[in-house]
Structures are given as structure tokens and as C-alpha cells.
């Protein structure tokens, strides 16, 4: 497959691009509709234009270019948040497996 076709994402692709960073907006409490939970160093959001059911975004609050730039406490918090998000999906969707990607 050369391309992943998700026609429900056309609204996002063709829509007006928002200014700023969605992760920063959520971390500062400006955009709560997709926020699932927030920890000291991490936010967990529903992707409002998902590729599949349960598509979440788990992101560090601190902007870094590479994960290796996170401090140990931030990285550990990110992994704990990922595990908590997985537990929520287990409870709600009961999936048979997970795909985790890092961008």
C-alpha cells in the first residue's frame, strides 16, 4: 500500500490550519475537547481526525526535537502516561493489539 486512505480526514486536510501548537493549547487548558488527561510532563489527547478507533496522541509538554532530549523524569512520565492511556483503551475498546508510532 502506497498511501493510507482515510476519507474522514478530508475535513482536516482541506480545513483552515490553526495557529500555534495543539499540544501547547491543551497543556495550558485552552482546548479541552480532546484532552483525556494531563500529568506533570505529559498530555494525552484524542485525535479528532483519527486513522482508526482509539487513535490517541501522547506527547511531552516540553517541546524537544528528539526524545533523547527529554530529562529522565519527563521520559518516565511519558511512558507512564502511555501505559495509563493503554489501560483506558483496554477498558473502553477491548482491542486485540496496539500500534504505537513516534513522530
Protein backbone atom coordinates (compact mmCIF):
# COMPACT_ATOMS: atom_id res chain seq x y z
CA UNK A 1 0.00 0.00 0.00
CA UNK A 2 1.48 3.32 -1.07
CA UNK A 3 -0.96 5.53 0.81
CA UNK A 4 -3.25 5.18 3.78
CA UNK A 5 -6.66 6.42 2.65
CA UNK A 6 -8.82 7.80 5.43
CA UNK A 7 -11.59 9.83 3.75
CA UNK A 8 -12.97 11.10 7.07
CA UNK A 9 -9.75 13.12 7.43
CA UNK A 10 -10.56 15.31 4.39
CA UNK A 11 -12.12 17.96 6.65
CA UNK A 12 -8.73 18.22 8.40
CA UNK A 13 -6.71 18.16 5.18
CA UNK A 14 -8.81 20.80 3.42
CA UNK A 15 -9.67 22.83 6.51
CA UNK A 16 -8.22 26.06 7.79
CA UNK A 17 -4.94 25.48 9.58
CA UNK A 18 -4.94 26.60 13.18
CA UNK A 19 -2.18 28.76 14.58
CA UNK A 20 0.06 27.56 17.35
CA UNK A 21 0.62 24.13 18.77
CA UNK A 22 -2.35 21.93 19.70
CA UNK A 23 -0.27 20.29 22.42
CA UNK A 24 0.56 23.66 24.00
CA UNK A 25 -3.07 24.78 23.77
CA UNK A 26 -4.22 21.64 25.58
CA UNK A 27 -1.44 21.75 28.16
CA UNK A 28 -2.42 25.34 29.02
CA UNK A 29 -6.12 24.42 29.27
CA UNK A 30 -7.19 26.35 26.15
CA UNK A 31 -8.53 23.33 24.26
CA UNK A 32 -10.21 20.77 26.46
CA UNK A 33 -12.47 18.94 24.00
CA UNK A 34 -9.82 16.39 23.02
CA UNK A 35 -7.83 16.27 26.28
CA UNK A 36 -8.13 12.91 28.04
CA UNK A 37 -5.68 13.58 30.85
CA UNK A 38 -2.61 15.55 31.73
CA UNK A 39 0.28 14.70 34.04
CA UNK A 40 3.14 16.87 35.21
CA UNK A 41 5.13 16.38 31.98
CA UNK A 42 2.71 14.74 29.52
CA UNK A 43 -0.63 15.25 27.81
CA UNK A 44 -2.87 12.57 26.31
CA UNK A 45 -5.33 13.65 23.61
CA UNK A 46 -7.91 12.04 21.39
CA UNK A 47 -7.03 12.60 17.77
CA UNK A 48 -10.11 14.40 16.44
CA UNK A 49 -9.23 13.19 12.92
CA UNK A 50 -8.22 9.60 13.75
CA UNK A 51 -6.80 6.98 11.44
CA UNK A 52 -8.61 4.34 13.49
CA UNK A 53 -10.72 3.84 16.63
CA UNK A 54 -8.87 4.79 19.79
CA UNK A 55 -6.28 6.94 17.99
CA UNK A 56 -4.60 8.85 20.80
CA UNK A 57 -1.69 11.25 20.89
CA UNK A 58 0.64 11.08 23.89
CA UNK A 59 3.06 13.99 23.94
CA UNK A 60 5.57 15.58 26.28
CA UNK A 61 4.59 19.07 27.36
CA UNK A 62 8.17 20.24 26.84
CA UNK A 63 8.99 20.77 23.17
CA UNK A 64 12.01 18.77 22.05
CA UNK A 65 13.30 17.69 18.67
CA UNK A 66 14.32 14.21 19.83
CA UNK A 67 13.06 12.02 22.67
CA UNK A 68 16.65 11.75 23.85
CA UNK A 69 16.46 15.45 24.78
CA UNK A 70 13.83 14.76 27.45
CA UNK A 71 15.03 14.62 31.02
CA UNK A 72 14.69 11.24 32.72
CA UNK A 73 11.67 12.34 34.78
CA UNK A 74 9.93 13.60 31.63
CA UNK A 75 10.64 10.42 29.70
CA UNK A 76 9.47 8.23 32.57
CA UNK A 77 6.30 10.31 32.92
CA UNK A 78 5.66 9.94 29.18
CA UNK A 79 5.94 6.15 29.41
CA UNK A 80 3.68 6.00 32.47
CA UNK A 81 1.10 8.15 30.67
CA UNK A 82 1.30 5.84 27.65
CA UNK A 83 0.61 2.84 29.89
CA UNK A 84 -2.34 4.62 31.57
CA UNK A 85 -3.75 5.53 28.15
CA UNK A 86 -3.43 1.89 27.10
CA UNK A 87 -5.34 0.80 30.22
CA UNK A 88 -8.14 3.20 29.33
CA UNK A 89 -8.34 1.84 25.80
CA UNK A 90 -8.32 -1.72 27.18
CA UNK A 91 -11.33 -0.85 29.32
CA UNK A 92 -13.29 1.05 26.67
CA UNK A 93 -12.47 -0.67 23.37
CA UNK A 94 -11.00 -4.04 24.37
CA UNK A 95 -8.63 -4.10 21.38
CA UNK A 96 -6.68 -7.18 20.39
CA UNK A 97 -3.50 -5.19 19.94
CA UNK A 98 -1.90 -1.79 19.58
CA UNK A 99 0.17 0.16 17.09
CA UNK A 100 2.39 2.78 18.65
CA UNK A 101 4.16 5.28 16.44
CA UNK A 102 6.63 8.01 17.26
CA UNK A 103 6.79 11.15 15.13
